[in-house]
């Protein structure tokens, strides 16, 4: 996948921050910055554990729902730090009634799947290599429920090397979101705040918290955030799926969107892009033809649709995007999704066919017969996507964040 000029320029501006002579060390967040997973939401991983949970519990309960609730309960027990995986699965045992032995099996399965699906984020790793080239001290940090040995396996899987230290909330009891990890890092590295640059993908934990302590921060938006902000694809999907978007029915589509986010938005854009596929032929091939590949029983129900699909497959760049999809899909999922109903994965094509952006229509014009082209363009309309995009939860307000710190100090 070739990145655009906008993405190249954005990366170069980020790299300039690392080059500052006053910066002696660069701290990288791990999740979403150096390592990503091909899911629209990381909790989608739980859908792959439903079968094993059903086998062990013998009940018809949803593992995804119980696992999510277990983590919420564990957080309530300690609102100031990340719960570790053992605390989460202790709550899961209480909710599900499974044995300690079966709980351990599920916990091992979860960590194995996280390692399996973790992929390197090229932009973050390239920034890390830039810091390494400039002889900056490189450290890694994360707010995570995972133990250090699992994090190290993820880093190894993603080819991430060259760092000096890892600071994890699971091990230190300190976090980025609360901000208390940063003074600890400075003390260990024997640096003052102006000598450290932190790079991460969470506005509160990776930007607000370090800046409040005089540490320079570089915001690398997550692939998912960029996906939500650019184009109408997510809005269209949510308008069609509604509240059912998080159900098993739409799991294959969420996997498609997760892969597309990692593919198209690894390197961030400095501004909102025109078009539903960022005016990129490869992006169109990946999301649209990729979705058609996943819906193996799809057959166009009219000649005009067939012409649009044929036109895409006559364009070498669009076809390159489809090939990239096939390779990433095979690498990530293999035959994992084969038995699932992937009819929903046709939605990116429906957006293109029914509501295509004007410049992206032009990609296909030369390869479509005039009569089919005129029919297609004559039926294109604006989609109603108002109020349907479910964005990530907004960071806490400064007031609530500070109130928690005050409460924590009082407890001490």
Protein backbone atom coordinates (compact mmCIF):
# COMPACT_ATOMS: atom_id res chain seq x y z
CA UNK A 1 0.00 0.00 0.00
CA UNK A 2 1.48 3.33 -1.08
CA UNK A 3 0.81 6.27 1.18
CA UNK A 4 -0.35 9.64 -0.13
CA UNK A 5 1.65 12.87 -0.25
CA UNK A 6 -0.47 14.19 2.61
CA UNK A 7 0.42 11.17 4.73
CA UNK A 8 4.11 11.46 3.83
CA UNK A 9 4.16 15.14 4.78
CA UNK A 10 2.33 14.46 8.03
CA UNK A 11 4.85 11.78 8.94
CA UNK A 12 7.80 14.05 8.16
CA UNK A 13 6.40 16.76 10.43
CA UNK A 14 6.04 14.21 13.23
CA UNK A 15 9.59 12.98 12.70
CA UNK A 16 10.89 16.55 13.06
CA UNK A 17 9.70 16.56 16.68
CA UNK A 18 12.00 13.63 17.43
CA UNK A 19 14.97 15.42 15.87
CA UNK A 20 14.95 18.25 18.43
CA UNK A 21 18.35 18.37 20.14
CA UNK A 22 16.80 18.88 23.59
CA UNK A 23 14.96 15.55 23.34
CA UNK A 24 17.07 12.80 24.93
CA UNK A 25 14.46 10.05 25.16
CA UNK A 26 11.28 9.11 23.32
CA UNK A 27 8.47 7.20 24.99
CA UNK A 28 6.08 5.20 22.80
CA UNK A 29 2.68 3.92 23.77
CA UNK A 30 2.23 0.33 22.57
CA UNK A 31 -1.48 -0.22 21.87
CA UNK A 32 -2.69 1.48 18.67
CA UNK A 33 0.66 3.25 18.29
CA UNK A 34 3.13 0.41 17.69
CA UNK A 35 0.81 -2.60 17.61
CA UNK A 36 -2.73 -2.88 16.22
CA UNK A 37 -5.36 -5.56 15.71
CA UNK A 38 -7.58 -5.97 12.60
CA UNK A 39 -10.87 -5.35 14.42
CA UNK A 40 -13.19 -2.36 14.41
CA UNK A 41 -13.14 -2.68 18.21
CA UNK A 42 -10.59 -4.68 20.18
CA UNK A 43 -13.46 -6.36 22.05
CA UNK A 44 -14.40 -8.07 18.77
CA UNK A 45 -11.75 -10.59 19.75
CA UNK A 46 -14.24 -12.01 22.27
CA UNK A 47 -16.54 -13.21 19.47
CA UNK A 48 -13.83 -15.70 18.53
CA UNK A 49 -14.04 -17.20 22.02
CA UNK A 50 -17.78 -17.89 22.08
CA UNK A 51 -17.45 -21.53 21.00
CA UNK A 52 -14.87 -22.42 23.64
CA UNK A 53 -16.82 -20.62 26.36
CA UNK A 54 -20.00 -22.46 25.39
CA UNK A 55 -18.14 -25.77 25.49
CA UNK A 56 -16.66 -25.08 28.93
CA UNK A 57 -19.72 -23.50 30.54
CA UNK A 58 -22.42 -25.61 28.92
CA UNK A 59 -24.66 -22.54 28.93
CA UNK A 60 -26.08 -20.33 26.23
CA UNK A 61 -24.66 -17.13 27.70
CA UNK A 62 -22.70 -14.70 25.53
CA UNK A 63 -19.00 -14.70 26.36
CA UNK A 64 -18.57 -11.28 24.80
CA UNK A 65 -21.19 -9.74 27.10
CA UNK A 66 -19.88 -11.50 30.24
CA UNK A 67 -16.24 -10.66 29.45
CA UNK A 68 -17.12 -7.00 28.89
CA UNK A 69 -19.11 -6.85 32.14
CA UNK A 70 -16.31 -8.60 34.05
CA UNK A 71 -13.86 -5.88 33.04
CA UNK A 72 -16.32 -3.15 34.03
CA UNK A 73 -16.74 -4.79 37.45
CA UNK A 74 -12.98 -5.08 37.91
CA UNK A 75 -12.58 -1.37 37.09
CA UNK A 76 -15.18 -0.44 39.68
CA UNK A 77 -13.08 -2.19 42.32
CA UNK A 78 -10.16 0.14 41.58
CA UNK A 79 -11.11 3.23 39.59
CA UNK A 80 -7.59 4.64 39.65
CA UNK A 81 -5.59 1.89 37.96
CA UNK A 82 -5.97 -0.67 35.20
CA UNK A 83 -7.28 -4.03 36.44
CA UNK A 84 -5.01 -6.92 35.53
CA UNK A 85 -6.18 -9.96 33.62
CA UNK A 86 -6.43 -12.08 36.78
CA UNK A 87 -8.82 -9.58 38.39
CA UNK A 88 -10.94 -9.54 35.24
CA UNK A 89 -11.20 -13.31 35.08
CA UNK A 90 -11.97 -13.50 38.77
CA UNK A 91 -15.02 -11.36 38.04
CA UNK A 92 -15.79 -13.50 35.00
CA UNK A 93 -15.88 -16.63 37.16
CA UNK A 94 -18.34 -14.93 39.51
CA UNK A 95 -20.60 -13.93 36.61
CA UNK A 96 -20.46 -17.20 34.68
CA UNK A 97 -20.01 -19.83 37.37
CA UNK A 98 -17.16 -21.59 35.53
CA UNK A 99 -14.31 -23.27 37.41
CA UNK A 100 -10.87 -21.84 38.09
CA UNK A 101 -9.39 -24.37 35.67
CA UNK A 102 -11.77 -23.42 32.86
CA UNK A 103 -11.25 -19.74 33.61
CA UNK A 104 -7.51 -20.27 33.14
CA UNK A 105 -8.13 -21.97 29.79
CA UNK A 106 -10.18 -19.01 28.59
CA UNK A 107 -7.61 -16.53 29.87
CA UNK A 108 -4.85 -18.39 28.01
CA UNK A 109 -6.99 -18.45 24.86
CA UNK A 110 -7.55 -14.69 25.08
CA UNK A 111 -3.85 -13.89 25.38
CA UNK A 112 -3.00 -16.36 22.60
CA UNK A 113 -5.52 -14.67 20.30
CA UNK A 114 -4.22 -11.20 21.14
CA UNK A 115 -0.71 -12.29 20.21
CA UNK A 116 -1.97 -13.99 17.04
CA UNK A 117 -3.91 -10.97 15.78
CA UNK A 118 -1.41 -8.26 16.79
CA UNK A 119 0.19 -6.56 13.80
CA UNK A 120 2.88 -3.86 13.58
CA UNK A 121 1.75 -0.31 12.91
CA UNK A 122 4.25 0.83 10.30
CA UNK A 123 3.99 4.55 11.06
CA UNK A 124 4.65 4.12 14.78
CA UNK A 125 7.53 1.73 14.20
CA UNK A 126 9.06 4.02 11.58
CA UNK A 127 8.96 6.87 14.11
CA UNK A 128 10.65 4.54 16.58
CA UNK A 129 13.37 3.70 14.05
CA UNK A 130 13.89 7.44 13.49
CA UNK A 131 14.44 7.89 17.23
CA UNK A 132 16.84 4.95 17.20
CA UNK A 133 18.76 6.41 14.26
CA UNK A 134 19.16 9.68 16.19
CA UNK A 135 20.48 7.80 19.27
CA UNK A 136 17.53 8.77 21.45
CA UNK A 137 16.73 6.51 24.39
CA UNK A 138 13.62 4.53 23.49
CA UNK A 139 11.15 3.31 26.09
CA UNK A 140 7.71 1.75 25.82
CA UNK A 141 4.72 2.26 28.07
CA UNK A 142 1.07 1.26 28.19
CA UNK A 143 -2.02 1.16 30.36
CA UNK A 144 -2.88 -2.51 29.97
CA UNK A 145 -4.43 -5.45 31.76
CA UNK A 146 -1.90 -7.76 30.11
CA UNK A 147 1.20 -9.00 31.99
CA UNK A 148 4.68 -8.10 30.76
CA UNK A 149 5.45 -11.55 29.34
CA UNK A 150 2.44 -11.29 27.01
CA UNK A 151 3.38 -7.75 25.97
CA UNK A 152 6.90 -8.97 25.17
CA UNK A 153 5.45 -11.71 22.94
CA UNK A 154 3.33 -9.11 21.13
CA UNK A 155 6.39 -6.95 20.59
CA UNK A 156 8.37 -9.91 19.28
CA UNK A 157 5.50 -10.88 16.93
CA UNK A 158 5.47 -7.31 15.57
CA UNK A 159 9.26 -7.13 15.19
CA UNK A 160 9.58 -4.32 17.73
CA UNK A 161 13.11 -4.19 19.14
CA UNK A 162 15.69 -1.62 20.25
CA UNK A 163 13.87 -0.27 23.31
CA UNK A 164 15.60 0.09 26.69
CA UNK A 165 12.75 -0.25 29.17
CA UNK A 166 9.04 -1.09 29.37
CA UNK A 167 6.74 0.65 31.84
CA UNK A 168 3.38 -1.11 32.15
CA UNK A 169 0.48 -0.32 34.46
CA UNK A 170 0.11 -4.05 35.17
CA UNK A 171 3.63 -4.17 36.62
CA UNK A 172 4.18 -0.69 38.07
CA UNK A 173 0.67 0.06 39.31
CA UNK A 174 1.08 3.46 37.63
CA UNK A 175 -0.74 4.67 34.54
CA UNK A 176 -0.62 7.11 31.64
CA UNK A 177 -4.23 8.19 32.06
CA UNK A 178 -3.73 9.09 35.71
CA UNK A 179 -0.40 10.67 34.76
CA UNK A 180 1.61 9.12 37.58
CA UNK A 181 3.68 6.97 35.23
CA UNK A 182 5.45 9.99 33.73
CA UNK A 183 7.33 11.22 36.84
CA UNK A 184 8.35 7.58 37.38
CA UNK A 185 9.76 7.41 33.84
CA UNK A 186 11.67 10.68 34.27
CA UNK A 187 13.14 9.49 37.56
CA UNK A 188 14.27 6.15 36.10
CA UNK A 189 15.84 7.85 33.06
CA UNK A 190 17.33 10.70 35.15
CA UNK A 191 15.83 13.33 32.86
CA UNK A 192 13.85 16.51 33.32
CA UNK A 193 10.44 16.88 31.69
CA UNK A 194 11.66 18.97 28.73
CA UNK A 195 13.99 16.15 27.63
CA UNK A 196 11.25 13.56 27.09
CA UNK A 197 8.95 13.22 24.08
CA UNK A 198 5.94 10.92 24.41
CA UNK A 199 4.10 9.52 21.37
CA UNK A 200 0.68 7.90 21.63
CA UNK A 201 -2.87 7.57 20.33
CA UNK A 202 -5.05 8.47 23.33
CA UNK A 203 -5.84 12.17 23.80
CA UNK A 204 -6.04 12.10 27.59
CA UNK A 205 -3.44 9.48 28.44
CA UNK A 206 -0.89 10.33 25.75
CA UNK A 207 -1.42 14.04 25.22
CA UNK A 208 -3.15 15.81 28.11
CA UNK A 209 -1.41 13.93 30.94
CA UNK A 210 2.19 14.42 29.75
CA UNK A 211 1.63 18.02 28.62
CA UNK A 212 0.27 18.88 32.07
CA UNK A 213 3.64 17.78 33.43
CA UNK A 214 5.76 19.75 30.97
CA UNK A 215 6.51 16.78 28.73
CA UNK A 216 6.37 17.24 24.97
CA UNK A 217 3.69 15.05 23.41
CA UNK A 218 3.08 13.89 19.86
CA UNK A 219 -0.39 12.69 18.97
CA UNK A 220 -0.59 9.75 16.55
CA UNK A 221 -4.34 9.19 16.04
CA UNK A 222 -5.43 5.57 15.99
CA UNK A 223 -6.27 3.91 12.68
CA UNK A 224 -9.89 3.54 13.85
CA UNK A 225 -10.22 7.22 14.69
CA UNK A 226 -8.99 8.17 11.23
CA UNK A 227 -11.44 5.70 9.68
CA UNK A 228 -14.37 7.32 11.50
CA UNK A 229 -13.33 10.84 10.53
CA UNK A 230 -12.71 10.34 6.80
CA UNK A 231 -15.50 9.73 4.32
CA UNK A 232 -19.02 8.43 4.81
CA UNK A 233 -18.31 4.71 4.95
CA UNK A 234 -18.68 4.28 8.71
CA UNK A 235 -21.69 6.55 8.84
CA UNK A 236 -23.37 4.58 6.06
CA UNK A 237 -22.66 1.25 7.75
CA UNK A 238 -24.05 2.45 11.09
CA UNK A 239 -27.13 3.88 9.38
CA UNK A 240 -27.84 0.45 7.91
CA UNK A 241 -26.91 -1.68 10.93
CA UNK A 242 -28.17 0.56 13.74
CA UNK A 243 -27.85 -0.91 17.22
CA UNK A 244 -27.23 -4.35 15.73
CA UNK A 245 -23.74 -3.31 14.61
CA UNK A 246 -22.19 -5.03 17.65
CA UNK A 247 -24.00 -8.35 17.15
CA UNK A 248 -22.53 -11.54 15.72
CA UNK A 249 -24.32 -10.89 12.42
CA UNK A 250 -22.08 -7.92 11.70
CA UNK A 251 -18.86 -9.45 13.07
CA UNK A 252 -17.42 -10.19 9.57
CA UNK A 253 -18.13 -6.59 8.52
CA UNK A 254 -16.40 -5.26 11.65
CA UNK A 255 -13.40 -7.42 10.74
CA UNK A 256 -13.43 -5.98 7.21
CA UNK A 257 -13.57 -2.44 8.60
CA UNK A 258 -10.83 -3.21 11.12
CA UNK A 259 -8.54 -4.48 8.36
CA UNK A 260 -9.41 -1.47 6.21
CA UNK A 261 -8.59 0.94 9.05
CA UNK A 262 -5.14 -0.62 9.49
CA UNK A 263 -4.61 -0.67 5.71
CA UNK A 264 -5.72 2.82 4.76
CA UNK A 265 -5.02 4.82 7.94
CA UNK A 266 -1.79 3.42 9.36
CA UNK A 267 -0.19 6.76 8.46
CA UNK A 268 -2.51 9.59 9.53
CA UNK A 269 -3.80 12.43 7.38
CA UNK A 270 -3.31 16.02 8.52
CA UNK A 271 -6.79 16.97 7.32
CA UNK A 272 -10.11 15.35 6.43
CA UNK A 273 -9.89 13.70 3.01
CA UNK A 274 -12.38 14.08 0.19
CA UNK A 275 -14.26 11.01 -0.97
CA UNK A 276 -15.44 7.92 0.83
CA UNK A 277 -12.17 6.12 0.10
CA UNK A 278 -9.85 9.15 0.42
CA UNK A 279 -9.85 9.38 -3.41
CA UNK A 280 -7.63 6.30 -3.45
CA UNK A 281 -8.12 3.54 -5.99
CA UNK A 282 -6.33 1.06 -3.74
CA UNK A 283 -8.57 1.92 -0.78
CA UNK A 284 -11.63 1.39 -2.98
CA UNK A 285 -10.32 -1.98 -4.12
CA UNK A 286 -9.56 -3.06 -0.58
CA UNK A 287 -12.90 -2.08 1.02
CA UNK A 288 -15.32 -2.63 -1.87
CA UNK A 289 -13.86 -5.60 -3.73
CA UNK A 290 -12.63 -6.99 -0.40
CA UNK A 291 -16.19 -6.94 0.92
CA UNK A 292 -17.40 -8.70 -2.23
CA UNK A 293 -14.70 -11.35 -1.71
CA UNK A 294 -15.96 -11.97 1.83
CA UNK A 295 -19.57 -12.31 0.63
CA UNK A 296 -18.84 -15.38 -1.46
CA UNK A 297 -22.44 -15.85 -2.65
CA UNK A 298 -22.82 -12.30 -3.92
CA UNK A 299 -24.14 -11.91 -7.45
CA UNK A 300 -25.04 -8.52 -8.98
CA UNK A 301 -28.77 -8.32 -9.52
CA UNK A 302 -28.61 -6.03 -12.54
CA UNK A 303 -26.36 -5.24 -15.50
CA UNK A 304 -25.35 -1.81 -14.19
CA UNK A 305 -23.93 -3.28 -10.96
CA UNK A 306 -22.03 -5.87 -12.99
CA UNK A 307 -20.54 -3.10 -15.12
CA UNK A 308 -19.36 -1.15 -12.06
CA UNK A 309 -17.69 -4.24 -10.58
CA UNK A 310 -16.12 -5.15 -13.94
CA UNK A 311 -14.82 -1.59 -14.27
CA UNK A 312 -13.13 -1.83 -10.88
CA UNK A 313 -11.44 -5.07 -11.87
CA UNK A 314 -10.15 -3.48 -15.10
CA UNK A 315 -8.26 -0.83 -13.09
CA UNK A 316 -4.80 -2.08 -12.04
CA UNK A 317 -4.61 0.10 -8.91
CA UNK A 318 -8.07 -0.92 -7.68
CA UNK A 319 -7.16 -4.53 -8.41
CA UNK A 320 -3.96 -4.04 -6.37
CA UNK A 321 -6.13 -3.00 -3.41
CA UNK A 322 -8.18 -6.18 -3.78
CA UNK A 323 -5.02 -8.27 -3.85
CA UNK A 324 -3.76 -6.50 -0.72
CA UNK A 325 -7.07 -7.37 0.93
CA UNK A 326 -6.75 -11.05 0.02
CA UNK A 327 -3.23 -11.21 1.47
CA UNK A 328 -4.11 -9.42 4.72
CA UNK A 329 -7.34 -11.37 5.13
CA UNK A 330 -5.49 -14.67 4.68
CA UNK A 331 -2.74 -13.62 7.08
CA UNK A 332 -5.16 -12.37 9.75
CA UNK A 333 -8.10 -14.74 9.59
CA UNK A 334 -7.30 -17.70 7.35
CA UNK A 335 -10.52 -19.73 7.36
CA UNK A 336 -11.74 -18.38 10.73
CA UNK A 337 -14.68 -16.49 9.21
CA UNK A 338 -15.56 -19.00 6.50
CA UNK A 339 -18.65 -20.41 8.24
CA UNK A 340 -20.10 -17.01 9.16
CA UNK A 341 -22.74 -15.16 7.16
CA UNK A 342 -20.83 -12.35 5.43
CA UNK A 343 -23.74 -10.83 3.54
CA UNK A 344 -23.27 -7.57 5.47
CA UNK A 345 -19.82 -7.13 3.89
CA UNK A 346 -21.49 -5.93 0.70
CA UNK A 347 -22.33 -2.57 2.32
CA UNK A 348 -19.16 -0.78 1.04
CA UNK A 349 -20.20 -1.72 -2.50
CA UNK A 350 -23.75 -0.49 -1.84
CA UNK A 351 -22.35 2.86 -0.71
CA UNK A 352 -20.26 3.12 -3.86
CA UNK A 353 -23.06 2.05 -6.19
CA UNK A 354 -25.87 4.10 -4.66
CA UNK A 355 -24.05 7.16 -3.29
CA UNK A 356 -20.61 7.40 -4.94
CA UNK A 357 -18.51 10.53 -4.47
CA UNK A 358 -18.09 12.44 -7.74
CA UNK A 359 -14.28 12.15 -8.01
CA UNK A 360 -14.38 8.43 -7.23
CA UNK A 361 -16.97 7.92 -9.98
CA UNK A 362 -14.38 9.26 -12.39
CA UNK A 363 -12.03 6.40 -11.51
CA UNK A 364 -14.38 4.01 -13.28
CA UNK A 365 -15.79 6.12 -16.12
CA UNK A 366 -13.42 4.94 -18.86
CA UNK A 367 -14.13 1.26 -18.12
CA UNK A 368 -17.96 1.41 -18.10
CA UNK A 369 -20.17 1.39 -21.22
CA UNK A 370 -21.78 4.81 -21.69
CA UNK A 371 -25.33 3.51 -21.24
CA UNK A 372 -24.48 1.82 -17.92
CA UNK A 373 -22.45 4.84 -16.80
CA UNK A 374 -25.36 7.21 -17.45
CA UNK A 375 -27.80 4.90 -15.67
CA UNK A 376 -25.46 4.60 -12.67
CA UNK A 377 -24.83 8.33 -12.33
CA UNK A 378 -28.51 9.12 -12.84
CA UNK A 379 -29.49 7.10 -9.77
CA UNK A 380 -26.77 8.28 -7.37
CA UNK A 381 -28.06 10.13 -4.29
CA UNK A 382 -26.84 11.42 -0.95
CA UNK A 383 -27.01 8.85 1.89
CA UNK A 384 -28.78 9.74 5.13
CA UNK A 385 -26.05 9.14 7.72
CA UNK A 386 -26.84 11.89 10.23
CA UNK A 387 -26.27 10.89 13.83
CA UNK A 388 -25.30 7.32 13.11
CA UNK A 389 -21.54 7.25 13.56
CA UNK A 390 -20.59 5.73 16.90
CA UNK A 391 -17.33 7.38 17.77
CA UNK A 392 -14.94 6.37 20.50
CA UNK A 393 -15.90 7.48 23.98
CA UNK A 394 -14.80 11.06 24.57
CA UNK A 395 -12.01 11.57 27.08
CA UNK A 396 -13.00 12.63 30.55
CA UNK A 397 -13.38 16.32 31.14
CA UNK A 398 -10.50 18.00 32.90
CA UNK A 399 -12.72 18.65 35.90
CA UNK A 400 -13.64 14.99 36.41
CA UNK A 401 -10.06 13.93 35.77
CA UNK A 402 -8.73 16.33 38.38
CA UNK A 403 -11.43 15.36 40.87
CA UNK A 404 -10.29 11.76 40.67
CA UNK A 405 -6.70 12.78 41.37
CA UNK A 406 -7.84 14.77 44.40
CA UNK A 407 -9.86 11.82 45.69
CA UNK A 408 -6.87 9.56 45.20
CA UNK A 409 -4.62 11.87 47.20
CA UNK A 410 -7.17 11.97 50.01
CA UNK A 411 -7.18 8.17 50.15
CA UNK A 412 -3.44 8.19 50.61
